[in-house]
N, C-alpha and C. Protein backbone atom coordinates (compact mmCIF):
# COMPACT_ATOMS: atom_id res chain seq x y z
N MET A 1 -3.04 11.99 10.56
CA MET A 1 -2.03 11.32 9.78
C MET A 1 -1.89 9.88 10.27
N TYR A 2 -1.66 8.99 9.36
CA TYR A 2 -1.55 7.57 9.67
C TYR A 2 -0.08 7.25 9.92
N HIS A 3 0.24 6.79 11.13
CA HIS A 3 1.63 6.54 11.48
C HIS A 3 2.05 5.14 11.10
N ILE A 4 3.28 4.99 10.64
CA ILE A 4 3.81 3.68 10.26
C ILE A 4 3.96 2.80 11.49
N ASN A 5 4.11 3.38 12.68
CA ASN A 5 4.24 2.58 13.89
C ASN A 5 3.00 1.73 14.11
N ASN A 6 1.85 2.16 13.61
CA ASN A 6 0.62 1.39 13.76
C ASN A 6 0.60 0.16 12.86
N LEU A 7 1.54 0.06 11.92
CA LEU A 7 1.55 -1.05 10.97
C LEU A 7 2.48 -2.18 11.41
N LYS A 8 3.13 -2.06 12.57
CA LYS A 8 4.07 -3.08 13.01
C LYS A 8 3.39 -4.40 13.33
N HIS A 9 2.10 -4.38 13.59
CA HIS A 9 1.38 -5.59 13.93
C HIS A 9 0.98 -6.41 12.70
N LEU A 10 1.29 -5.92 11.50
CA LEU A 10 0.91 -6.63 10.28
C LEU A 10 1.64 -7.97 10.19
N LYS A 11 0.91 -8.99 9.82
CA LYS A 11 1.52 -10.29 9.59
C LYS A 11 1.85 -10.40 8.11
N MET A 12 2.88 -11.15 7.84
CA MET A 12 3.30 -11.32 6.46
C MET A 12 2.31 -12.24 5.74
N GLY A 13 1.79 -11.80 4.63
CA GLY A 13 0.84 -12.60 3.86
C GLY A 13 1.54 -13.29 2.71
N LYS A 14 0.75 -13.92 1.88
CA LYS A 14 1.29 -14.55 0.69
C LYS A 14 1.76 -13.48 -0.28
N ALA A 15 2.58 -13.87 -1.21
CA ALA A 15 3.13 -12.91 -2.17
C ALA A 15 2.03 -12.28 -3.03
N SER A 16 0.92 -12.97 -3.22
CA SER A 16 -0.13 -12.46 -4.07
C SER A 16 -1.18 -11.65 -3.30
N SER A 17 -1.02 -11.49 -1.99
CA SER A 17 -2.02 -10.75 -1.22
C SER A 17 -1.91 -9.26 -1.50
N LYS A 18 -3.02 -8.57 -1.36
CA LYS A 18 -3.05 -7.13 -1.60
C LYS A 18 -2.36 -6.36 -0.50
N GLY A 19 -2.46 -6.83 0.72
CA GLY A 19 -1.92 -6.11 1.86
C GLY A 19 -3.06 -5.68 2.77
N LYS A 20 -2.80 -4.70 3.61
CA LYS A 20 -3.79 -4.23 4.57
C LYS A 20 -4.50 -3.01 4.01
N TYR A 21 -5.84 -3.02 4.10
CA TYR A 21 -6.65 -1.91 3.61
C TYR A 21 -6.40 -0.68 4.47
N VAL A 22 -6.20 0.48 3.83
CA VAL A 22 -5.92 1.71 4.55
C VAL A 22 -7.09 2.68 4.44
N VAL A 23 -7.44 3.09 3.22
CA VAL A 23 -8.46 4.13 3.05
C VAL A 23 -9.03 4.06 1.64
N LYS A 24 -10.18 4.70 1.44
CA LYS A 24 -10.79 4.81 0.11
C LYS A 24 -10.69 6.27 -0.33
N ALA A 25 -10.23 6.48 -1.56
CA ALA A 25 -10.13 7.82 -2.13
C ALA A 25 -10.86 7.80 -3.46
N ASN A 26 -11.98 8.52 -3.53
CA ASN A 26 -12.88 8.48 -4.69
C ASN A 26 -13.30 7.04 -4.95
N LEU A 27 -13.01 6.51 -6.12
CA LEU A 27 -13.38 5.14 -6.46
C LEU A 27 -12.24 4.15 -6.20
N HIS A 28 -11.13 4.62 -5.68
CA HIS A 28 -9.94 3.80 -5.52
C HIS A 28 -9.75 3.37 -4.07
N ASP A 29 -9.28 2.14 -3.90
CA ASP A 29 -8.94 1.63 -2.57
C ASP A 29 -7.42 1.65 -2.44
N ILE A 30 -6.94 2.04 -1.26
CA ILE A 30 -5.51 2.09 -1.01
C ILE A 30 -5.16 1.04 0.03
N TYR A 31 -4.17 0.23 -0.32
CA TYR A 31 -3.68 -0.84 0.55
C TYR A 31 -2.20 -0.59 0.82
N VAL A 32 -1.70 -1.14 1.93
CA VAL A 32 -0.28 -1.08 2.23
C VAL A 32 0.22 -2.51 2.36
N LEU A 33 1.34 -2.78 1.71
CA LEU A 33 1.96 -4.10 1.75
C LEU A 33 3.27 -3.97 2.51
N ALA A 34 3.39 -4.70 3.61
CA ALA A 34 4.59 -4.65 4.44
C ALA A 34 5.46 -5.85 4.10
N THR A 35 6.75 -5.62 3.89
CA THR A 35 7.68 -6.71 3.59
C THR A 35 8.90 -6.59 4.49
N LYS A 36 9.46 -7.73 4.82
CA LYS A 36 10.69 -7.77 5.62
C LYS A 36 11.88 -7.96 4.70
N LYS A 37 12.97 -7.26 5.01
CA LYS A 37 14.20 -7.45 4.28
C LYS A 37 15.31 -7.67 5.31
N PRO A 38 16.20 -8.61 5.07
CA PRO A 38 17.31 -8.83 6.02
C PRO A 38 18.20 -7.59 6.10
N ASP A 39 18.60 -7.26 7.31
CA ASP A 39 19.46 -6.09 7.52
C ASP A 39 20.37 -6.39 8.70
N THR A 40 21.65 -6.47 8.45
CA THR A 40 22.60 -6.82 9.51
C THR A 40 22.92 -5.64 10.42
N THR A 41 22.56 -4.42 10.02
CA THR A 41 22.87 -3.26 10.85
C THR A 41 21.82 -3.03 11.93
N LYS A 42 20.67 -3.67 11.82
CA LYS A 42 19.60 -3.50 12.81
C LYS A 42 19.76 -4.47 13.96
N LYS A 43 19.18 -4.15 15.08
CA LYS A 43 19.25 -4.99 16.26
C LYS A 43 18.53 -6.32 16.04
N HIS A 44 17.40 -6.29 15.35
CA HIS A 44 16.60 -7.49 15.15
C HIS A 44 16.98 -8.27 13.89
N GLY A 45 17.82 -7.72 13.05
CA GLY A 45 18.28 -8.42 11.87
C GLY A 45 17.42 -8.25 10.63
N TYR A 46 16.38 -7.44 10.68
CA TYR A 46 15.56 -7.19 9.51
C TYR A 46 15.01 -5.77 9.56
N SER A 47 14.58 -5.30 8.42
CA SER A 47 13.93 -3.99 8.37
C SER A 47 12.63 -4.14 7.59
N MET A 48 11.65 -3.36 7.97
CA MET A 48 10.34 -3.41 7.32
C MET A 48 10.27 -2.31 6.27
N THR A 49 9.72 -2.65 5.13
CA THR A 49 9.44 -1.66 4.11
C THR A 49 7.95 -1.67 3.82
N PHE A 50 7.40 -0.51 3.52
CA PHE A 50 5.97 -0.37 3.29
C PHE A 50 5.75 0.15 1.88
N ASP A 51 4.90 -0.54 1.14
CA ASP A 51 4.60 -0.21 -0.24
C ASP A 51 3.11 0.06 -0.36
N TYR A 52 2.75 1.30 -0.65
CA TYR A 52 1.34 1.67 -0.80
C TYR A 52 0.91 1.42 -2.24
N ARG A 53 -0.29 0.82 -2.40
CA ARG A 53 -0.79 0.44 -3.71
C ARG A 53 -2.21 0.94 -3.89
N ILE A 54 -2.55 1.29 -5.12
CA ILE A 54 -3.89 1.79 -5.45
C ILE A 54 -4.61 0.72 -6.29
N TYR A 55 -5.81 0.35 -5.85
CA TYR A 55 -6.63 -0.63 -6.55
C TYR A 55 -7.96 0.01 -6.93
N LYS A 56 -8.53 -0.47 -8.03
CA LYS A 56 -9.88 -0.08 -8.41
C LYS A 56 -10.60 -1.33 -8.87
N ASN A 57 -11.69 -1.67 -8.21
CA ASN A 57 -12.47 -2.87 -8.51
C ASN A 57 -11.60 -4.13 -8.47
N GLY A 58 -10.66 -4.18 -7.56
CA GLY A 58 -9.81 -5.36 -7.42
C GLY A 58 -8.63 -5.41 -8.37
N LYS A 59 -8.48 -4.45 -9.25
CA LYS A 59 -7.37 -4.41 -10.19
C LYS A 59 -6.33 -3.41 -9.71
N LEU A 60 -5.07 -3.81 -9.79
CA LEU A 60 -3.96 -2.94 -9.39
C LEU A 60 -3.80 -1.82 -10.41
N ILE A 61 -3.84 -0.58 -9.92
CA ILE A 61 -3.69 0.59 -10.79
C ILE A 61 -2.28 1.15 -10.69
N GLU A 62 -1.80 1.31 -9.46
CA GLU A 62 -0.49 1.94 -9.22
C GLU A 62 0.16 1.29 -8.00
N LYS A 63 1.46 1.07 -8.04
CA LYS A 63 2.17 0.53 -6.89
C LYS A 63 3.51 1.24 -6.75
N GLY A 64 4.15 1.05 -5.60
CA GLY A 64 5.46 1.64 -5.38
C GLY A 64 5.43 2.99 -4.70
N LEU A 65 4.28 3.40 -4.19
CA LEU A 65 4.19 4.69 -3.50
C LEU A 65 4.69 4.51 -2.07
N LYS A 66 5.42 5.47 -1.55
CA LYS A 66 6.11 5.32 -0.27
C LYS A 66 5.36 5.88 0.93
N SER A 67 4.28 6.64 0.72
CA SER A 67 3.54 7.18 1.86
C SER A 67 2.04 7.20 1.54
N LYS A 68 1.25 7.25 2.60
CA LYS A 68 -0.20 7.29 2.45
C LYS A 68 -0.63 8.58 1.76
N ASP A 69 0.00 9.67 2.14
CA ASP A 69 -0.34 10.97 1.55
C ASP A 69 -0.09 10.98 0.05
N ALA A 70 1.03 10.39 -0.37
CA ALA A 70 1.34 10.33 -1.80
C ALA A 70 0.33 9.44 -2.53
N ALA A 71 -0.08 8.35 -1.90
CA ALA A 71 -1.03 7.43 -2.51
C ALA A 71 -2.40 8.09 -2.66
N VAL A 72 -2.85 8.81 -1.64
CA VAL A 72 -4.15 9.49 -1.70
C VAL A 72 -4.11 10.59 -2.75
N ALA A 73 -3.04 11.36 -2.80
CA ALA A 73 -2.92 12.43 -3.79
C ALA A 73 -2.94 11.86 -5.21
N LYS A 74 -2.25 10.76 -5.42
CA LYS A 74 -2.21 10.13 -6.75
C LYS A 74 -3.59 9.58 -7.11
N ALA A 75 -4.30 8.96 -6.14
CA ALA A 75 -5.62 8.40 -6.40
C ALA A 75 -6.62 9.49 -6.75
N LEU A 76 -6.49 10.66 -6.13
CA LEU A 76 -7.41 11.76 -6.41
C LEU A 76 -7.16 12.39 -7.77
N THR A 77 -5.94 12.26 -8.30
CA THR A 77 -5.62 12.86 -9.60
C THR A 77 -5.89 11.91 -10.76
N LEU A 78 -6.10 10.61 -10.47
CA LEU A 78 -6.36 9.66 -11.55
C LEU A 78 -7.71 9.97 -12.18
N VAL A 79 -7.74 9.99 -13.49
CA VAL A 79 -8.98 10.29 -14.22
C VAL A 79 -9.72 8.98 -14.43
N PRO A 80 -10.98 8.91 -14.02
CA PRO A 80 -11.74 7.68 -14.22
C PRO A 80 -11.99 7.44 -15.72
N THR A 81 -11.82 6.19 -16.14
CA THR A 81 -12.08 5.84 -17.53
C THR A 81 -13.42 5.12 -17.62
N LYS A 82 -14.08 5.27 -18.73
CA LYS A 82 -15.37 4.61 -18.91
C LYS A 82 -15.16 3.13 -19.12
N GLN A 83 -16.02 2.33 -18.51
CA GLN A 83 -15.99 0.88 -18.69
C GLN A 83 -16.68 0.54 -20.00
N LYS A 84 -16.17 -0.48 -20.68
CA LYS A 84 -16.82 -0.92 -21.92
C LYS A 84 -18.13 -1.61 -21.59
N ALA A 85 -19.14 -1.35 -22.38
CA ALA A 85 -20.47 -1.91 -22.13
C ALA A 85 -20.60 -3.33 -22.59
């Protein structure tokens, strides 16, 4: 299992960046995008949120998944569509 504690070293990228590559499931690539949000209840003043996204050939297919397991399961259930010739 991939632990979120391993993602603390991620640096914040540009808003248009895909995020950090996690794994490949069938023809889909799974990335995780880490974002900081201000939080006054935390000791450091911010909290990290992780958004798993599914890409195929560089195109975003699905976003908003909260765990790697959910992203892999969703990627495995996606039906491949034929490309236009």
